[in-house]
Amino acid sequence: IVAEAPFLSLQTHLKGKARLLGFPQQPFGFLTSFWIGVQNGFYGWGFRVDKYAANLRCPVLLQYGARDPLVLQSELDAIYAALPPPHKSLEIYEEAAHESLLGVEPAHWMKAVGDFLKTH
Protein backbone atom coordinates (compact mmCIF):
# COMPACT_ATOMS: atom_id res chain seq x y z
CA ILE A 1 0.00 0.00 0.00
CA VAL A 2 1.25 3.47 -0.86
CA ALA A 3 -0.77 6.11 1.00
CA GLU A 4 -0.34 9.83 0.57
CA ALA A 5 -1.60 12.32 3.18
CA PRO A 6 -3.83 9.87 5.09
CA PHE A 7 -6.13 11.44 7.65
CA LEU A 8 -6.48 9.82 11.08
CA SER A 9 -10.26 9.75 11.34
CA LEU A 10 -13.37 11.02 9.65
CA GLN A 11 -13.65 13.62 12.40
CA THR A 12 -10.05 14.90 12.01
CA HIS A 13 -10.57 15.07 8.25
CA LEU A 14 -13.68 17.20 8.67
CA LYS A 15 -11.99 19.36 11.30
CA GLY A 16 -9.18 19.97 8.81
CA LYS A 17 -11.69 21.05 6.18
CA ALA A 18 -13.28 23.47 8.67
CA ARG A 19 -9.83 24.82 9.59
CA LEU A 20 -9.12 25.54 5.91
CA LEU A 21 -12.47 27.24 5.44
CA GLY A 22 -11.95 29.41 8.52
CA PHE A 23 -14.76 28.26 10.73
CA PRO A 24 -14.82 26.37 14.06
CA GLN A 25 -13.49 22.83 13.87
CA GLN A 26 -15.92 21.81 16.59
CA PRO A 27 -18.81 21.16 16.57
CA PHE A 28 -18.47 20.82 12.76
CA GLY A 29 -16.21 17.74 12.85
CA PHE A 30 -18.19 16.04 15.58
CA LEU A 31 -21.67 16.64 14.15
CA THR A 32 -20.76 16.05 10.52
CA SER A 33 -19.01 12.75 11.37
CA PHE A 34 -22.17 11.64 13.10
CA TRP A 35 -24.43 12.69 10.24
CA ILE A 36 -22.28 11.10 7.50
CA GLY A 37 -22.38 7.86 9.49
CA VAL A 38 -26.17 8.01 9.85
CA GLN A 39 -26.67 8.69 6.16
CA ASN A 40 -24.32 5.89 5.10
CA GLY A 41 -25.12 3.29 7.76
CA PHE A 42 -21.87 3.22 9.76
CA TYR A 43 -20.51 4.58 13.03
CA GLY A 44 -18.94 7.84 11.84
CA TRP A 45 -17.20 8.61 15.12
CA GLY A 46 -15.54 5.19 15.06
CA PHE A 47 -13.96 5.54 11.61
CA ARG A 48 -10.26 5.61 12.52
CA VAL A 49 -7.48 4.80 10.09
CA ASP A 50 -5.05 3.86 12.88
CA LYS A 51 -7.48 1.18 14.05
CA TYR A 52 -7.59 -0.33 10.57
CA ALA A 53 -3.84 0.16 10.02
CA ALA A 54 -3.06 -2.02 13.04
CA ASN A 55 -4.61 -5.00 11.21
CA LEU A 56 -2.60 -4.68 8.01
CA ARG A 57 -0.20 -7.49 7.18
CA CYS A 58 1.33 -6.10 4.01
CA PRO A 59 4.04 -3.50 3.33
CA VAL A 60 2.92 0.12 3.71
CA LEU A 61 4.57 3.34 2.57
CA LEU A 62 3.10 6.46 4.18
CA GLN A 63 3.90 9.72 2.42
CA TYR A 64 3.19 13.20 3.70
CA GLY A 65 3.79 16.81 2.73
CA ALA A 66 5.30 18.71 5.66
CA ARG A 67 3.33 21.83 4.69
CA ASP A 68 -0.04 20.04 4.63
CA PRO A 69 -2.71 22.30 6.20
CA LEU A 70 -5.41 19.60 6.07
CA VAL A 71 -3.68 16.58 7.61
CA LEU A 72 -1.63 17.22 10.74
CA GLN A 73 1.75 15.58 11.43
CA SER A 74 0.27 14.11 14.63
CA GLU A 75 -2.31 12.23 12.54
CA LEU A 76 0.40 10.71 10.37
CA ASP A 77 2.44 9.80 13.45
CA ALA A 78 -0.53 7.97 15.01
CA ILE A 79 -1.15 5.97 11.84
CA TYR A 80 2.53 5.10 11.47
CA ALA A 81 2.76 4.02 15.11
CA ALA A 82 -0.24 1.73 14.63
CA LEU A 83 1.23 -0.06 11.62
CA PRO A 84 2.80 -3.37 12.58
CA PRO A 85 6.52 -3.71 11.87
CA PRO A 86 8.67 -4.60 10.03
CA HIS A 87 7.27 -3.61 6.62
CA LYS A 88 6.36 0.02 7.17
CA SER A 89 8.04 3.09 5.73
CA LEU A 90 7.52 6.83 6.08
CA GLU A 91 8.53 9.60 3.68
CA ILE A 92 8.16 13.30 4.44
CA TYR A 93 8.19 15.79 1.56
CA GLU A 94 9.43 19.11 2.95
CA GLU A 95 8.21 21.28 0.07
CA ALA A 96 4.74 19.74 -0.36
CA ALA A 97 1.36 20.59 1.10
CA HIS A 98 -1.87 18.59 0.55
CA GLU A 99 -1.22 18.03 -3.14
CA SER A 100 0.43 15.66 -5.57
CA LEU A 101 3.74 14.76 -3.98
CA LEU A 102 4.97 13.54 -7.36
CA GLY A 103 4.14 16.93 -8.86
CA VAL A 104 5.99 18.91 -6.19
CA GLU A 105 9.03 16.71 -5.53
CA PRO A 106 9.24 14.26 -8.46
CA ALA A 107 12.78 13.00 -7.81
CA HIS A 108 12.04 12.34 -4.14
CA TRP A 109 8.76 10.58 -5.00
CA MET A 110 10.33 8.41 -7.72
CA LYS A 111 13.12 7.31 -5.37
CA ALA A 112 10.83 6.66 -2.38
CA VAL A 113 8.20 4.73 -4.33
CA GLY A 114 10.80 2.96 -6.47
CA ASP A 115 12.80 1.83 -3.43
CA PHE A 116 9.61 0.70 -1.68
CA LEU A 117 8.48 -1.35 -4.69
CA LYS A 118 11.93 -2.89 -5.15
CA THR A 119 12.18 -4.04 -1.55
CA HIS A 120 8.62 -5.25 -1.17
C-alpha atoms as a PDB file:
ATOM      1  CA  ILE A   1       0.000   0.000   0.000  1.00  0.00           C
ATOM      2  CA  VAL A   2       1.251   3.470  -0.865  1.00  0.00           C
ATOM      3  CA  ALA A   3      -0.773   6.106   1.003  1.00  0.00           C
ATOM      4  CA  GLU A   4      -0.338   9.835   0.568  1.00  0.00           C
ATOM      5  CA  ALA A   5      -1.605  12.315   3.183  1.00  0.00           C
ATOM      6  CA  PRO A   6      -3.826   9.870   5.085  1.00  0.00           C
ATOM      7  CA  PHE A   7      -6.128  11.442   7.647  1.00  0.00           C
ATOM      8  CA  LEU A   8      -6.482   9.821  11.081  1.00  0.00           C
ATOM      9  CA  SER A   9     -10.262   9.748  11.337  1.00  0.00           C
ATOM     10  CA  LEU A  10     -13.371  11.024   9.654  1.00  0.00           C
ATOM     11  CA  GLN A  11     -13.651  13.616  12.405  1.00  0.00           C
ATOM     12  CA  THR A  12     -10.052  14.900  12.008  1.00  0.00           C
ATOM     13  CA  HIS A  13     -10.575  15.074   8.246  1.00  0.00           C
ATOM     14  CA  LEU A  14     -13.683  17.201   8.673  1.00  0.00           C
ATOM     15  CA  LYS A  15     -11.989  19.364  11.302  1.00  0.00           C
ATOM     16  CA  GLY A  16      -9.175  19.975   8.815  1.00  0.00           C
ATOM     17  CA  LYS A  17     -11.692  21.054   6.180  1.00  0.00           C
ATOM     18  CA  ALA A  18     -13.279  23.470   8.674  1.00  0.00           C
ATOM     19  CA  ARG A  19      -9.829  24.820   9.590  1.00  0.00           C
ATOM     20  CA  LEU A  20      -9.121  25.536   5.906  1.00  0.00           C
ATOM     21  CA  LEU A  21     -12.470  27.244   5.441  1.00  0.00           C
ATOM     22  CA  GLY A  22     -11.947  29.410   8.519  1.00  0.00           C
ATOM     23  CA  PHE A  23     -14.764  28.259  10.733  1.00  0.00           C
ATOM     24  CA  PRO A  24     -14.819  26.372  14.058  1.00  0.00           C
ATOM     25  CA  GLN A  25     -13.489  22.828  13.865  1.00  0.00           C
ATOM     26  CA  GLN A  26     -15.917  21.812  16.586  1.00  0.00           C
ATOM     27  CA  PRO A  27     -18.810  21.163  16.567  1.00  0.00           C
ATOM     28  CA  PHE A  28     -18.471  20.822  12.763  1.00  0.00           C
ATOM     29  CA  GLY A  29     -16.206  17.741  12.852  1.00  0.00           C
ATOM     30  CA  PHE A  30     -18.194  16.042  15.576  1.00  0.00           C
ATOM     31  CA  LEU A  31     -21.668  16.639  14.150  1.00  0.00           C
ATOM     32  CA  THR A  32     -20.764  16.051  10.523  1.00  0.00           C
ATOM     33  CA  SER A  33     -19.007  12.754  11.366  1.00  0.00           C
ATOM     34  CA  PHE A  34     -22.168  11.641  13.101  1.00  0.00           C
ATOM     35  CA  TRP A  35     -24.426  12.690  10.236  1.00  0.00           C
ATOM     36  CA  ILE A  36     -22.278  11.098   7.504  1.00  0.00           C
ATOM     37  CA  GLY A  37     -22.379   7.861   9.491  1.00  0.00           C
ATOM     38  CA  VAL A  38     -26.169   8.013   9.854  1.00  0.00           C
ATOM     39  CA  GLN A  39     -26.669   8.687   6.156  1.00  0.00           C
ATOM     40  CA  ASN A  40     -24.323   5.889   5.103  1.00  0.00           C
ATOM     41  CA  GLY A  41     -25.119   3.291   7.760  1.00  0.00           C
ATOM     42  CA  PHE A  42     -21.870   3.223   9.761  1.00  0.00           C
ATOM     43  CA  TYR A  43     -20.512   4.583  13.031  1.00  0.00           C
ATOM     44  CA  GLY A  44     -18.941   7.841  11.838  1.00  0.00           C
ATOM     45  CA  TRP A  45     -17.200   8.609  15.123  1.00  0.00           C
ATOM     46  CA  GLY A  46     -15.540   5.187  15.060  1.00  0.00           C
ATOM     47  CA  PHE A  47     -13.960   5.537  11.611  1.00  0.00           C
ATOM     48  CA  ARG A  48     -10.265   5.608  12.522  1.00  0.00           C
ATOM     49  CA  VAL A  49      -7.480   4.797  10.089  1.00  0.00           C
ATOM     50  CA  ASP A  50      -5.049   3.864  12.878  1.00  0.00           C
ATOM     51  CA  LYS A  51      -7.485   1.179  14.050  1.00  0.00           C
ATOM     52  CA  TYR A  52      -7.587  -0.332  10.566  1.00  0.00           C
ATOM     53  CA  ALA A  53      -3.838   0.156  10.018  1.00  0.00           C
ATOM     54  CA  ALA A  54      -3.063  -2.023  13.041  1.00  0.00           C
ATOM     55  CA  ASN A  55      -4.610  -4.997  11.213  1.00  0.00           C
ATOM     56  CA  LEU A  56      -2.596  -4.678   8.007  1.00  0.00           C
ATOM     57  CA  ARG A  57      -0.199  -7.486   7.181  1.00  0.00           C
ATOM     58  CA  CYS A  58       1.326  -6.099   4.006  1.00  0.00           C
ATOM     59  CA  PRO A  59       4.041  -3.501   3.333  1.00  0.00           C
ATOM     60  CA  VAL A  60       2.916   0.115   3.707  1.00  0.00           C
ATOM     61  CA  LEU A  61       4.566   3.336   2.573  1.00  0.00           C
ATOM     62  CA  LEU A  62       3.100   6.456   4.183  1.00  0.00           C
ATOM     63  CA  GLN A  63       3.902   9.724   2.422  1.00  0.00           C
ATOM     64  CA  TYR A  64       3.194  13.204   3.703  1.00  0.00           C
ATOM     65  CA  GLY A  65       3.787  16.813   2.732  1.00  0.00           C
ATOM     66  CA  ALA A  66       5.301  18.710   5.658  1.00  0.00           C
ATOM     67  CA  ARG A  67       3.328  21.830   4.687  1.00  0.00           C
ATOM     68  CA  ASP A  68      -0.039  20.036   4.634  1.00  0.00           C
ATOM     69  CA  PRO A  69      -2.706  22.298   6.200  1.00  0.00           C
ATOM     70  CA  LEU A  70      -5.409  19.602   6.073  1.00  0.00           C
ATOM     71  CA  VAL A  71      -3.685  16.583   7.614  1.00  0.00           C
ATOM     72  CA  LEU A  72      -1.626  17.220  10.738  1.00  0.00           C
ATOM     73  CA  GLN A  73       1.750  15.579  11.427  1.00  0.00           C
ATOM     74  CA  SER A  74       0.269  14.113  14.632  1.00  0.00           C
ATOM     75  CA  GLU A  75      -2.309  12.231  12.543  1.00  0.00           C
ATOM     76  CA  LEU A  76       0.400  10.711  10.374  1.00  0.00           C
ATOM     77  CA  ASP A  77       2.444   9.797  13.454  1.00  0.00           C
ATOM     78  CA  ALA A  78      -0.530   7.967  15.006  1.00  0.00           C
ATOM     79  CA  ILE A  79      -1.147   5.966  11.837  1.00  0.00           C
ATOM     80  CA  TYR A  80       2.534   5.097  11.466  1.00  0.00           C
ATOM     81  CA  ALA A  81       2.764   4.016  15.112  1.00  0.00           C
ATOM     82  CA  ALA A  82      -0.239   1.728  14.635  1.00  0.00           C
ATOM     83  CA  LEU A  83       1.229  -0.059  11.617  1.00  0.00           C
ATOM     84  CA  PRO A  84       2.801  -3.366  12.575  1.00  0.00           C
ATOM     85  CA  PRO A  85       6.523  -3.708  11.868  1.00  0.00           C
ATOM     86  CA  PRO A  86       8.665  -4.600  10.027  1.00  0.00           C
ATOM     87  CA  HIS A  87       7.270  -3.613   6.619  1.00  0.00           C
ATOM     88  CA  LYS A  88       6.357   0.019   7.168  1.00  0.00           C
ATOM     89  CA  SER A  89       8.045   3.094   5.726  1.00  0.00           C
ATOM     90  CA  LEU A  90       7.524   6.831   6.081  1.00  0.00           C
ATOM     91  CA  GLU A  91       8.526   9.602   3.675  1.00  0.00           C
ATOM     92  CA  ILE A  92       8.156  13.300   4.443  1.00  0.00           C
ATOM     93  CA  TYR A  93       8.193  15.789   1.560  1.00  0.00           C
ATOM     94  CA  GLU A  94       9.430  19.106   2.950  1.00  0.00           C
ATOM     95  CA  GLU A  95       8.209  21.279   0.065  1.00  0.00           C
ATOM     96  CA  ALA A  96       4.744  19.742  -0.358  1.00  0.00           C
ATOM     97  CA  ALA A  97       1.358  20.587   1.101  1.00  0.00           C
ATOM     98  CA  HIS A  98      -1.871  18.594   0.555  1.00  0.00           C
ATOM     99  CA  GLU A  99      -1.225  18.027  -3.136  1.00  0.00           C
ATOM    100  CA  SER A 100       0.429  15.660  -5.566  1.00  0.00           C
ATOM    101  CA  LEU A 101       3.741  14.755  -3.981  1.00  0.00           C
ATOM    102  CA  LEU A 102       4.965  13.537  -7.360  1.00  0.00           C
ATOM    103  CA  GLY A 103       4.135  16.932  -8.863  1.00  0.00           C
ATOM    104  CA  VAL A 104       5.990  18.907  -6.188  1.00  0.00           C
ATOM    105  CA  GLU A 105       9.029  16.711  -5.530  1.00  0.00           C
ATOM    106  CA  PRO A 106       9.239  14.261  -8.460  1.00  0.00           C
ATOM    107  CA  ALA A 107      12.780  13.003  -7.814  1.00  0.00           C
ATOM    108  CA  HIS A 108      12.038  12.341  -4.136  1.00  0.00           C
ATOM    109  CA  TRP A 109       8.760  10.584  -5.003  1.00  0.00           C
ATOM    110  CA  MET A 110      10.330   8.410  -7.715  1.00  0.00           C
ATOM    111  CA  LYS A 111      13.120   7.310  -5.375  1.00  0.00           C
ATOM    112  CA  ALA A 112      10.833   6.663  -2.385  1.00  0.00           C
ATOM    113  CA  VAL A 113       8.202   4.732  -4.326  1.00  0.00           C
ATOM    114  CA  GLY A 114      10.799   2.964  -6.474  1.00  0.00           C
ATOM    115  CA  ASP A 115      12.796   1.829  -3.426  1.00  0.00           C
ATOM    116  CA  PHE A 116       9.607   0.702  -1.684  1.00  0.00           C
ATOM    117  CA  LEU A 117       8.482  -1.350  -4.685  1.00  0.00           C
ATOM    118  CA  LYS A 118      11.930  -2.892  -5.148  1.00  0.00           C
ATOM    119  CA  THR A 119      12.179  -4.042  -1.548  1.00  0.00           C
ATOM    120  CA  HIS A 120       8.616  -5.252  -1.173  1.00  0.00           C
END
